[in-house]
Amino acid sequence: MKEVTVQELKAMIDNKEDIQIIDVREPGEFNAANIRGELIPLNTVPQNVSKFSKDKKVIVHCRSGKRSANAISFLEANHGFQNLYNLKGGILAWKNEIDNSLNVS
């Protein structure tokens, strides 16, 4: 599975790269703290496959990286995606390394 670090993602955002960020956490987690991704909770991924771009780099994240890895595995195995990247360490890593003001624990 391909991964990007939080530093790599921050550089992509700062450089205004044409990427898609998908957050597979639950709505309450997303509302508490998010990095401007599109919320598609893990249990709704099968119904929302069409919302994942196949034309650009898609960064999928969750709290620590496990749920996003599960989403990517499902999409690659069942829908042929090859442009998905797991955010290594999830939003916890983002908080620790990029923005410690986030309300994540």
PDB file of N, CA and C in Angstrom:
ATOM      1  N   MET A   1       0.839  -1.182   0.000  1.00  0.00           N
ATOM      2  CA  MET A   1       0.000   0.000   0.000  1.00  0.00           C
ATOM      3  C   MET A   1       0.885   1.247   0.000  1.00  0.00           C
ATOM      4  N   LYS A   2       0.526   2.189  -0.859  1.00  0.00           N
ATOM      5  CA  LYS A   2       1.295   3.428  -0.941  1.00  0.00           C
ATOM      6  C   LYS A   2       0.926   4.335   0.231  1.00  0.00           C
ATOM      7  N   GLU A   3       1.916   5.066   0.719  1.00  0.00           N
ATOM      8  CA  GLU A   3       1.698   5.975   1.830  1.00  0.00           C
ATOM      9  C   GLU A   3       2.319   7.325   1.534  1.00  0.00           C
ATOM     10  N   VAL A   4       1.805   8.359   2.196  1.00  0.00           N
ATOM     11  CA  VAL A   4       2.446   9.659   2.221  1.00  0.00           C
ATOM     12  C   VAL A   4       2.566  10.065   3.680  1.00  0.00           C
ATOM     13  N   THR A   5       3.601  10.833   3.978  1.00  0.00           N
ATOM     14  CA  THR A   5       3.768  11.358   5.331  1.00  0.00           C
ATOM     15  C   THR A   5       2.968  12.649   5.468  1.00  0.00           C
ATOM     16  N   VAL A   6       2.790  13.085   6.696  1.00  0.00           N
ATOM     17  CA  VAL A   6       2.069  14.340   6.900  1.00  0.00           C
ATOM     18  C   VAL A   6       2.847  15.513   6.300  1.00  0.00           C
ATOM     19  N   GLN A   7       4.180  15.433   6.332  1.00  0.00           N
ATOM     20  CA  GLN A   7       4.985  16.499   5.721  1.00  0.00           C
ATOM     21  C   GLN A   7       4.763  16.540   4.207  1.00  0.00           C
ATOM     22  N   GLU A   8       4.698  15.361   3.580  1.00  0.00           N
ATOM     23  CA  GLU A   8       4.444  15.307   2.136  1.00  0.00           C
ATOM     24  C   GLU A   8       3.065  15.858   1.799  1.00  0.00           C
ATOM     25  N   LEU A   9       2.060  15.515   2.615  1.00  0.00           N
ATOM     26  CA  LEU A   9       0.710  16.020   2.369  1.00  0.00           C
ATOM     27  C   LEU A   9       0.671  17.531   2.560  1.00  0.00           C
ATOM     28  N   LYS A  10       1.300  18.046   3.593  1.00  0.00           N
ATOM     29  CA  LYS A  10       1.319  19.490   3.810  1.00  0.00           C
ATOM     30  C   LYS A  10       1.954  20.193   2.614  1.00  0.00           C
ATOM     31  N   ALA A  11       3.040  19.637   2.071  1.00  0.00           N
ATOM     32  CA  ALA A  11       3.681  20.230   0.895  1.00  0.00           C
ATOM     33  C   ALA A  11       2.734  20.217  -0.303  1.00  0.00           C
ATOM     34  N   MET A  12       1.978  19.131  -0.480  1.00  0.00           N
ATOM     35  CA  MET A  12       1.009  19.062  -1.580  1.00  0.00           C
ATOM     36  C   MET A  12      -0.050  20.155  -1.431  1.00  0.00           C
ATOM     37  N   ILE A  13      -0.541  20.332  -0.194  1.00  0.00           N
ATOM     38  CA  ILE A  13      -1.559  21.351   0.058  1.00  0.00           C
ATOM     39  C   ILE A  13      -0.970  22.741  -0.172  1.00  0.00           C
ATOM     40  N   ASP A  14       0.222  22.983   0.381  1.00  0.00           N
ATOM     41  CA  ASP A  14       0.873  24.295   0.229  1.00  0.00           C
ATOM     42  C   ASP A  14       1.155  24.617  -1.239  1.00  0.00           C
ATOM     43  N   ASN A  15       1.482  23.606  -2.017  1.00  0.00           N
ATOM     44  CA  ASN A  15       1.771  23.788  -3.447  1.00  0.00           C
ATOM     45  C   ASN A  15       0.524  23.771  -4.320  1.00  0.00           C
ATOM     46  N   LYS A  16      -0.644  23.653  -3.661  1.00  0.00           N
ATOM     47  CA  LYS A  16      -1.939  23.639  -4.347  1.00  0.00           C
ATOM     48  C   LYS A  16      -2.024  22.552  -5.417  1.00  0.00           C
ATOM     49  N   GLU A  17      -1.435  21.389  -5.093  1.00  0.00           N
ATOM     50  CA  GLU A  17      -1.526  20.252  -6.010  1.00  0.00           C
ATOM     51  C   GLU A  17      -2.975  19.800  -6.121  1.00  0.00           C
ATOM     52  N   ASP A  18      -3.310  19.240  -7.267  1.00  0.00           N
ATOM     53  CA  ASP A  18      -4.666  18.763  -7.526  1.00  0.00           C
ATOM     54  C   ASP A  18      -4.808  17.361  -6.931  1.00  0.00           C
ATOM     55  N   ILE A  19      -5.150  17.337  -5.648  1.00  0.00           N
ATOM     56  CA  ILE A  19      -5.332  16.074  -4.931  1.00  0.00           C
ATOM     57  C   ILE A  19      -6.720  16.052  -4.319  1.00  0.00           C
ATOM     58  N   GLN A  20      -7.110  14.867  -3.885  1.00  0.00           N
ATOM     59  CA  GLN A  20      -8.351  14.711  -3.137  1.00  0.00           C
ATOM     60  C   GLN A  20      -7.975  14.142  -1.779  1.00  0.00           C
ATOM     61  N   ILE A  21      -8.547  14.702  -0.720  1.00  0.00           N
ATOM     62  CA  ILE A  21      -8.321  14.196   0.638  1.00  0.00           C
ATOM     63  C   ILE A  21      -9.639  13.635   1.135  1.00  0.00           C
ATOM     64  N   ILE A  22      -9.602  12.370   1.556  1.00  0.00           N
ATOM     65  CA  ILE A  22     -10.805  11.706   2.074  1.00  0.00           C
ATOM     66  C   ILE A  22     -10.539  11.279   3.514  1.00  0.00           C
ATOM     67  N   ASP A  23     -11.461  11.634   4.383  1.00  0.00           N
ATOM     68  CA  ASP A  23     -11.397  11.316   5.811  1.00  0.00           C
ATOM     69  C   ASP A  23     -12.419  10.216   6.080  1.00  0.00           C
ATOM     70  N   VAL A  24     -11.970   9.053   6.549  1.00  0.00           N
ATOM     71  CA  VAL A  24     -12.897   7.933   6.763  1.00  0.00           C
ATOM     72  C   VAL A  24     -13.276   7.752   8.234  1.00  0.00           C
ATOM     73  N   ARG A  25     -13.040   8.795   9.040  1.00  0.00           N
ATOM     74  CA  ARG A  25     -13.461   8.737  10.439  1.00  0.00           C
ATOM     75  C   ARG A  25     -14.968   8.967  10.545  1.00  0.00           C
ATOM     76  N   GLU A  26     -15.483   8.960  11.766  1.00  0.00           N
ATOM     77  CA  GLU A  26     -16.902   9.177  12.003  1.00  0.00           C
ATOM     78  C   GLU A  26     -17.200  10.682  12.073  1.00  0.00           C
ATOM     79  N   PRO A  27     -18.465  11.073  11.849  1.00  0.00           N
ATOM     80  CA  PRO A  27     -18.802  12.499  11.841  1.00  0.00           C
ATOM     81  C   PRO A  27     -18.369  13.256  13.101  1.00  0.00           C
ATOM     82  N   GLY A  28     -18.521  12.672  14.270  1.00  0.00           N
ATOM     83  CA  GLY A  28     -18.120  13.355  15.500  1.00  0.00           C
ATOM     84  C   GLY A  28     -16.628  13.633  15.539  1.00  0.00           C
ATOM     85  N   GLU A  29     -15.830  12.673  15.064  1.00  0.00           N
ATOM     86  CA  GLU A  29     -14.380  12.869  15.001  1.00  0.00           C
ATOM     87  C   GLU A  29     -14.034  13.975  14.011  1.00  0.00           C
ATOM     88  N   PHE A  30     -14.710  13.956  12.874  1.00  0.00           N
ATOM     89  CA  PHE A  30     -14.473  14.940  11.822  1.00  0.00           C
ATOM     90  C   PHE A  30     -14.831  16.347  12.313  1.00  0.00           C
ATOM     91  N   ASN A  31     -15.975  16.462  12.999  1.00  0.00           N
ATOM     92  CA  ASN A  31     -16.417  17.769  13.481  1.00  0.00           C
ATOM     93  C   ASN A  31     -15.475  18.321  14.544  1.00  0.00           C
ATOM     94  N   ALA A  32     -14.858  17.459  15.326  1.00  0.00           N
ATOM     95  CA  ALA A  32     -13.925  17.905  16.371  1.00  0.00           C
ATOM     96  C   ALA A  32     -12.636  18.449  15.770  1.00  0.00           C
ATOM     97  N   ALA A  33     -12.160  17.832  14.694  1.00  0.00           N
ATOM     98  CA  ALA A  33     -10.912  18.263  14.059  1.00  0.00           C
ATOM     99  C   ALA A  33     -10.810  17.633  12.680  1.00  0.00           C
ATOM    100  N   ASN A  34     -10.507  18.470  11.676  1.00  0.00           N
ATOM    101  CA  ASN A  34     -10.318  17.922  10.340  1.00  0.00           C
ATOM    102  C   ASN A  34      -9.300  18.751   9.586  1.00  0.00           C
ATOM    103  N   ILE A  35      -8.797  18.173   8.495  1.00  0.00           N
ATOM    104  CA  ILE A  35      -7.796  18.866   7.672  1.00  0.00           C
ATOM    105  C   ILE A  35      -8.366  19.136   6.278  1.00  0.00           C
ATOM    106  N   ARG A  36      -9.633  19.536   6.265  1.00  0.00           N
ATOM    107  CA  ARG A  36     -10.327  19.938   5.036  1.00  0.00           C
ATOM    108  C   ARG A  36     -10.503  18.792   4.038  1.00  0.00           C
ATOM    109  N   GLY A  37     -10.568  17.592   4.541  1.00  0.00           N
ATOM    110  CA  GLY A  37     -10.870  16.467   3.662  1.00  0.00           C
ATOM    111  C   GLY A  37     -12.369  16.303   3.510  1.00  0.00           C
ATOM    112  N   GLU A  38     -12.740  15.424   2.616  1.00  0.00           N
ATOM    113  CA  GLU A  38     -14.150  15.083   2.414  1.00  0.00           C
ATOM    114  C   GLU A  38     -14.473  13.906   3.325  1.00  0.00           C
ATOM    115  N   LEU A  39     -15.528  14.033   4.122  1.00  0.00           N
ATOM    116  CA  LEU A  39     -15.902  12.975   5.062  1.00  0.00           C
ATOM    117  C   LEU A  39     -16.673  11.868   4.359  1.00  0.00           C
ATOM    118  N   ILE A  40     -16.098  10.662   4.388  1.00  0.00           N
ATOM    119  CA  ILE A  40     -16.779   9.444   3.924  1.00  0.00           C
ATOM    120  C   ILE A  40     -16.456   8.377   4.964  1.00  0.00           C
ATOM    121  N   PRO A  41     -17.295   8.253   6.016  1.00  0.00           N
ATOM    122  CA  PRO A  41     -17.006   7.274   7.070  1.00  0.00           C
ATOM    123  C   PRO A  41     -16.751   5.878   6.495  1.00  0.00           C
ATOM    124  N   LEU A  42     -15.841   5.160   7.134  1.00  0.00           N
ATOM    125  CA  LEU A  42     -15.415   3.850   6.638  1.00  0.00           C
ATOM    126  C   LEU A  42     -16.592   2.950   6.288  1.00  0.00           C
ATOM    127  N   ASN A  43     -17.601   2.894   7.147  1.00  0.00           N
ATOM    128  CA  ASN A  43     -18.715   1.971   6.882  1.00  0.00           C
ATOM    129  C   ASN A  43     -19.580   2.404   5.704  1.00  0.00           C
ATOM    130  N   THR A  44     -19.330   3.607   5.157  1.00  0.00           N
ATOM    131  CA  THR A  44     -20.107   4.055   3.990  1.00  0.00           C
ATOM    132  C   THR A  44     -19.289   4.030   2.697  1.00  0.00           C
ATOM    133  N   VAL A  45     -18.033   3.612   2.791  1.00  0.00           N
ATOM    134  CA  VAL A  45     -17.171   3.589   1.595  1.00  0.00           C
ATOM    135  C   VAL A  45     -17.785   2.759   0.464  1.00  0.00           C
ATOM    136  N   PRO A  46     -18.320   1.541   0.730  1.00  0.00           N
ATOM    137  CA  PRO A  46     -18.877   0.758  -0.385  1.00  0.00           C
ATOM    138  C   PRO A  46     -20.002   1.477  -1.140  1.00  0.00           C
ATOM    139  N   GLN A  47     -20.787   2.303  -0.453  1.00  0.00           N
ATOM    140  CA  GLN A  47     -21.866   3.031  -1.112  1.00  0.00           C
ATOM    141  C   GLN A  47     -21.377   4.323  -1.776  1.00  0.00           C
ATOM    142  N   ASN A  48     -20.134   4.719  -1.493  1.00  0.00           N
ATOM    143  CA  ASN A  48     -19.619   5.997  -1.987  1.00  0.00           C
ATOM    144  C   ASN A  48     -18.385   5.859  -2.872  1.00  0.00           C
ATOM    145  N   VAL A  49     -18.214   4.708  -3.488  1.00  0.00           N
ATOM    146  CA  VAL A  49     -17.036   4.463  -4.334  1.00  0.00           C
ATOM    147  C   VAL A  49     -16.911   5.542  -5.405  1.00  0.00           C
ATOM    148  N   SER A  50     -18.028   5.984  -5.943  1.00  0.00           N
ATOM    149  CA  SER A  50     -17.989   6.970  -7.034  1.00  0.00           C
ATOM    150  C   SER A  50     -17.443   8.324  -6.590  1.00  0.00           C
ATOM    151  N   LYS A  51     -17.384   8.577  -5.296  1.00  0.00           N
ATOM    152  CA  LYS A  51     -16.863   9.852  -4.798  1.00  0.00           C
ATOM    153  C   LYS A  51     -15.335   9.876  -4.753  1.00  0.00           C
ATOM    154  N   PHE A  52     -14.707   8.721  -4.906  1.00  0.00           N
ATOM    155  CA  PHE A  52     -13.243   8.637  -4.916  1.00  0.00           C
ATOM    156  C   PHE A  52     -12.763   8.865  -6.345  1.00  0.00           C
ATOM    157  N   SER A  53     -11.917   9.862  -6.533  1.00  0.00           N
ATOM    158  CA  SER A  53     -11.407  10.169  -7.866  1.00  0.00           C
ATOM    159  C   SER A  53     -10.496   9.053  -8.362  1.00  0.00           C
ATOM    160  N   LYS A  54     -10.572   8.784  -9.651  1.00  0.00           N
ATOM    161  CA  LYS A  54      -9.620   7.854 -10.269  1.00  0.00           C
ATOM    162  C   LYS A  54      -8.613   8.607 -11.122  1.00  0.00           C
ATOM    163  N   ASP A  55      -8.780   9.946 -11.190  1.00  0.00           N
ATOM    164  CA  ASP A  55      -7.968  10.773 -12.088  1.00  0.00           C
ATOM    165  C   ASP A  55      -6.874  11.571 -11.390  1.00  0.00           C
ATOM    166  N   LYS A  56      -6.830  11.535 -10.065  1.00  0.00           N
ATOM    167  CA  LYS A  56      -5.812  12.281  -9.338  1.00  0.00           C
ATOM    168  C   LYS A  56      -5.388  11.503  -8.106  1.00  0.00           C
ATOM    169  N   LYS A  57      -4.357  11.971  -7.456  1.00  0.00           N
ATOM    170  CA  LYS A  57      -3.871  11.337  -6.238  1.00  0.00           C
ATOM    171  C   LYS A  57      -4.906  11.556  -5.132  1.00  0.00           C
ATOM    172  N   VAL A  58      -5.300  10.455  -4.480  1.00  0.00           N
ATOM    173  CA  VAL A  58      -6.279  10.517  -3.404  1.00  0.00           C
ATOM    174  C   VAL A  58      -5.589  10.106  -2.105  1.00  0.00           C
ATOM    175  N   ILE A  59      -5.594  11.025  -1.140  1.00  0.00           N
ATOM    176  CA  ILE A  59      -5.013  10.753   0.166  1.00  0.00           C
ATOM    177  C   ILE A  59      -6.157  10.380   1.092  1.00  0.00           C
ATOM    178  N   VAL A  60      -6.104   9.181   1.663  1.00  0.00           N
ATOM    179  CA  VAL A  60      -7.148   8.696   2.561  1.00  0.00           C
ATOM    180  C   VAL A  60      -6.566   8.688   3.964  1.00  0.00           C
ATOM    181  N   HIS A  61      -7.334   9.227   4.923  1.00  0.00           N
ATOM    182  CA  HIS A  61      -6.820   9.247   6.294  1.00  0.00           C
ATOM    183  C   HIS A  61      -7.910   8.987   7.314  1.00  0.00           C
ATOM    184  N   CYS A  62      -7.465   8.643   8.505  1.00  0.00           N
ATOM    185  CA  CYS A  62      -8.342   8.445   9.653  1.00  0.00           C
ATOM    186  C   CYS A  62      -7.589   8.961  10.875  1.00  0.00           C
ATOM    187  N   ARG A  63      -7.837   8.380  12.042  1.00  0.00           N
ATOM    188  CA  ARG A  63      -7.169   8.830  13.255  1.00  0.00           C
ATOM    189  C   ARG A  63      -5.704   8.431  13.259  1.00  0.00           C
ATOM    190  N   SER A  64      -5.436   7.137  12.964  1.00  0.00           N
ATOM    191  CA  SER A  64      -4.054   6.647  13.071  1.00  0.00           C
ATOM    192  C   SER A  64      -3.538   5.956  11.813  1.00  0.00           C
ATOM    193  N   GLY A  65      -4.424   5.632  10.890  1.00  0.00           N
ATOM    194  CA  GLY A  65      -4.014   4.989   9.649  1.00  0.00           C
ATOM    195  C   GLY A  65      -4.604   3.609   9.419  1.00  0.00           C
ATOM    196  N   LYS A  66      -5.256   3.020  10.412  1.00  0.00           N
ATOM    197  CA  LYS A  66      -5.791   1.669  10.256  1.00  0.00           C
ATOM    198  C   LYS A  66      -7.079   1.645   9.426  1.00  0.00           C
ATOM    199  N   ARG A  67      -8.045   2.499   9.767  1.00  0.00           N
ATOM    200  CA  ARG A  67      -9.297   2.511   9.005  1.00  0.00           C
ATOM    201  C   ARG A  67      -9.060   2.935   7.557  1.00  0.00           C
ATOM    202  N   SER A  68      -8.183   3.912   7.364  1.00  0.00           N
ATOM    203  CA  SER A  68      -7.903   4.347   5.992  1.00  0.00           C
ATOM    204  C   SER A  68      -7.228   3.227   5.207  1.00  0.00           C
ATOM    205  N   ALA A  69      -6.361   2.456   5.863  1.00  0.00           N
ATOM    206  CA  ALA A  69      -5.730   1.315   5.195  1.00  0.00           C
ATOM    207  C   ALA A  69      -6.793   0.287   4.804  1.00  0.00           C
ATOM    208  N   ASN A  70      -7.770   0.071   5.673  1.00  0.00           N
ATOM    209  CA  ASN A  70      -8.859  -0.865   5.358  1.00  0.00           C
ATOM    210  C   ASN A  70      -9.664  -0.369   4.158  1.00  0.00           C
ATOM    211  N   ALA A  71      -9.947   0.934   4.119  1.00  0.00           N
ATOM    212  CA  ALA A  71     -10.702   1.497   2.998  1.00  0.00           C
ATOM    213  C   ALA A  71      -9.931   1.328   1.694  1.00  0.00           C
ATOM    214  N   ILE A  72      -8.633   1.620   1.730  1.00  0.00           N
ATOM    215  CA  ILE A  72      -7.800   1.501   0.529  1.00  0.00           C
ATOM    216  C   ILE A  72      -7.730   0.052   0.065  1.00  0.00           C
ATOM    217  N   SER A  73      -7.536  -0.867   0.987  1.00  0.00           N
ATOM    218  CA  SER A  73      -7.480  -2.289   0.626  1.00  0.00           C
ATOM    219  C   SER A  73      -8.767  -2.716  -0.069  1.00  0.00           C
ATOM    220  N   PHE A  74      -9.900  -2.309   0.476  1.00  0.00           N
ATOM    221  CA  PHE A  74     -11.193  -2.637  -0.124  1.00  0.00           C
ATOM    222  C   PHE A  74     -11.309  -2.063  -1.539  1.00  0.00           C
ATOM    223  N   LEU A  75     -10.972  -0.783  -1.691  1.00  0.00           N
ATOM    224  CA  LEU A  75     -11.120  -0.123  -2.995  1.00  0.00           C
ATOM    225  C   LEU A  75     -10.164  -0.688  -4.035  1.00  0.00           C
ATOM    226  N   GLU A  76      -8.948  -1.012  -3.629  1.00  0.00           N
ATOM    227  CA  GLU A  76      -7.991  -1.589  -4.574  1.00  0.00           C
ATOM    228  C   GLU A  76      -8.408  -2.993  -4.989  1.00  0.00           C
ATOM    229  N   ALA A  77      -8.851  -3.795  -4.030  1.00  0.00           N
ATOM    230  CA  ALA A  77      -9.206  -5.186  -4.318  1.00  0.00           C
ATOM    231  C   ALA A  77     -10.508  -5.307  -5.102  1.00  0.00           C
ATOM    232  N   ASN A  78     -11.471  -4.449  -4.822  1.00  0.00           N
ATOM    233  CA  ASN A  78     -12.803  -4.604  -5.407  1.00  0.00           C
ATOM    234  C   ASN A  78     -13.131  -3.639  -6.538  1.00  0.00           C
ATOM    235  N   HIS A  79     -12.366  -2.561  -6.653  1.00  0.00           N
ATOM    236  CA  HIS A  79     -12.713  -1.542  -7.643  1.00  0.00           C
ATOM    237  C   HIS A  79     -11.525  -1.085  -8.483  1.00  0.00           C
ATOM    238  N   GLY A  80     -10.375  -1.723  -8.318  1.00  0.00           N
ATOM    239  CA  GLY A  80      -9.238  -1.482  -9.191  1.00  0.00           C
ATOM    240  C   GLY A  80      -8.520  -0.153  -9.031  1.00  0.00           C
ATOM    241  N   PHE A  81      -8.715   0.520  -7.904  1.00  0.00           N
ATOM    242  CA  PHE A  81      -8.021   1.797  -7.702  1.00  0.00           C
ATOM    243  C   PHE A  81      -6.515   1.574  -7.611  1.00  0.00           C
ATOM    244  N   GLN A  82      -5.756   2.505  -8.191  1.00  0.00           N
ATOM    245  CA  GLN A  82      -4.292   2.451  -8.112  1.00  0.00           C
ATOM    246  C   GLN A  82      -3.700   3.798  -7.720  1.00  0.00           C
ATOM    247  N   ASN A  83      -4.548   4.754  -7.363  1.00  0.00           N
ATOM    248  CA  ASN A  83      -4.113   6.118  -7.079  1.00  0.00           C
ATOM    249  C   ASN A  83      -4.386   6.531  -5.631  1.00  0.00           C
ATOM    250  N   LEU A  84      -4.505   5.547  -4.741  1.00  0.00           N
ATOM    251  CA  LEU A  84      -4.835   5.825  -3.344  1.00  0.00           C
ATOM    252  C   LEU A  84      -3.595   5.757  -2.469  1.00  0.00           C
ATOM    253  N   TYR A  85      -3.499   6.707  -1.533  1.00  0.00           N
ATOM    254  CA  TYR A  85      -2.354   6.794  -0.629  1.00  0.00           C
ATOM    255  C   TYR A  85      -2.870   6.921   0.793  1.00  0.00           C
ATOM    256  N   ASN A  86      -2.324   6.111   1.686  1.00  0.00           N
ATOM    257  CA  ASN A  86      -2.683   6.175   3.093  1.00  0.00           C
ATOM    258  C   ASN A  86      -1.836   7.249   3.767  1.00  0.00           C
ATOM    259  N   LEU A  87      -2.469   8.087   4.585  1.00  0.00           N
ATOM    260  CA  LEU A  87      -1.718   9.089   5.343  1.00  0.00           C
ATOM    261  C   LEU A  87      -1.088   8.399   6.544  1.00  0.00           C
ATOM    262  N   LYS A  88       0.219   8.270   6.506  1.00  0.00           N
ATOM    263  CA  LYS A  88       0.958   7.543   7.534  1.00  0.00           C
ATOM    264  C   LYS A  88       0.776   8.225   8.891  1.00  0.00           C
ATOM    265  N   GLY A  89       0.222   7.479   9.847  1.00  0.00           N
ATOM    266  CA  GLY A  89       0.006   8.009  11.190  1.00  0.00           C
ATOM    267  C   GLY A  89      -1.281   8.783  11.363  1.00  0.00           C
ATOM    268  N   GLY A  90      -2.011   8.998  10.267  1.00  0.00           N
ATOM    269  CA  GLY A  90      -3.312   9.643  10.333  1.00  0.00           C
ATOM    270  C   GLY A  90      -3.291  11.052  10.904  1.00  0.00           C
ATOM    271  N   ILE A  91      -4.463  11.462  11.392  1.00  0.00           N
ATOM    272  CA  ILE A  91      -4.585  12.828  11.905  1.00  0.00           C
ATOM    273  C   ILE A  91      -3.809  13.001  13.208  1.00  0.00           C
ATOM    274  N   LEU A  92      -3.511  11.912  13.893  1.00  0.00           N
ATOM    275  CA  LEU A  92      -2.657  12.021  15.083  1.00  0.00           C
ATOM    276  C   LEU A  92      -1.267  12.513  14.696  1.00  0.00           C
ATOM    277  N   ALA A  93      -0.726  11.983  13.619  1.00  0.00           N
ATOM    278  CA  ALA A  93       0.580  12.442  13.141  1.00  0.00           C
ATOM    279  C   ALA A  93       0.495  13.891  12.677  1.00  0.00           C
ATOM    280  N   TRP A  94      -0.617  14.259  12.031  1.00  0.00           N
ATOM    281  CA  TRP A  94      -0.795  15.646  11.594  1.00  0.00           C
ATOM    282  C   TRP A  94      -0.756  16.575  12.812  1.00  0.00           C
ATOM    283  N   LYS A  95      -1.465  16.180  13.871  1.00  0.00           N
ATOM    284  CA  LYS A  95      -1.470  16.994  15.091  1.00  0.00           C
ATOM    285  C   LYS A  95      -0.060  17.093  15.676  1.00  0.00           C
ATOM    286  N   ASN A  96       0.636  15.974  15.758  1.00  0.00           N
ATOM    287  CA  ASN A  96       1.960  15.942  16.387  1.00  0.00           C
ATOM    288  C   ASN A  96       3.022  16.681  15.585  1.00  0.00           C
ATOM    289  N   GLU A  97       2.905  16.658  14.253  1.00  0.00           N
ATOM    290  CA  GLU A  97       3.985  17.185  13.421  1.00  0.00           C
ATOM    291  C   GLU A  97       3.653  18.463  12.660  1.00  0.00           C
ATOM    292  N   ILE A  98       2.366  18.763  12.468  1.00  0.00           N
ATOM    293  CA  ILE A  98       1.984  19.913  11.648  1.00  0.00           C
ATOM    294  C   ILE A  98       1.190  20.952  12.440  1.00  0.00           C
ATOM    295  N   ASP A  99       0.139  20.522  13.127  1.00  0.00           N
ATOM    296  CA  ASP A  99      -0.772  21.470  13.783  1.00  0.00           C
ATOM    297  C   ASP A  99      -1.222  20.943  15.132  1.00  0.00           C
ATOM    298  N   ASN A 100      -0.492  21.315  16.187  1.00  0.00           N
ATOM    299  CA  ASN A 100      -0.808  20.764  17.518  1.00  0.00           C
ATOM    300  C   ASN A 100      -2.025  21.412  18.149  1.00  0.00           C
ATOM    301  N   SER A 101      -2.702  22.307  17.428  1.00  0.00           N
ATOM    302  CA  SER A 101      -3.927  22.908  17.971  1.00  0.00           C
ATOM    303  C   SER A 101      -5.154  22.039  17.734  1.00  0.00           C
ATOM    304  N   LEU A 102      -5.008  20.986  16.924  1.00  0.00           N
ATOM    305  CA  LEU A 102      -6.158  20.129  16.622  1.00  0.00           C
ATOM    306  C   LEU A 102      -6.638  19.414  17.871  1.00  0.00           C
ATOM    307  N   ASN A 103      -7.948  19.249  17.972  1.00  0.00           N
ATOM    308  CA  ASN A 103      -8.581  18.587  19.108  1.00  0.00           C
ATOM    309  C   ASN A 103      -8.744  17.099  18.804  1.00  0.00           C
ATOM    310  N   VAL A 104      -7.597  16.381  18.859  1.00  0.00           N
ATOM    311  CA  VAL A 104      -7.581  14.950  18.549  1.00  0.00           C
ATOM    312  C   VAL A 104      -6.845  14.236  19.667  1.00  0.00           C
ATOM    313  N   SER A 105      -7.390  13.102  20.081  1.00  0.00           N
ATOM    314  CA  SER A 105      -6.674  12.307  21.091  1.00  0.00           C
ATOM    315  C   SER A 105      -6.840  10.832  20.809  1.00  0.00           C
TER     316      SER A 105
END
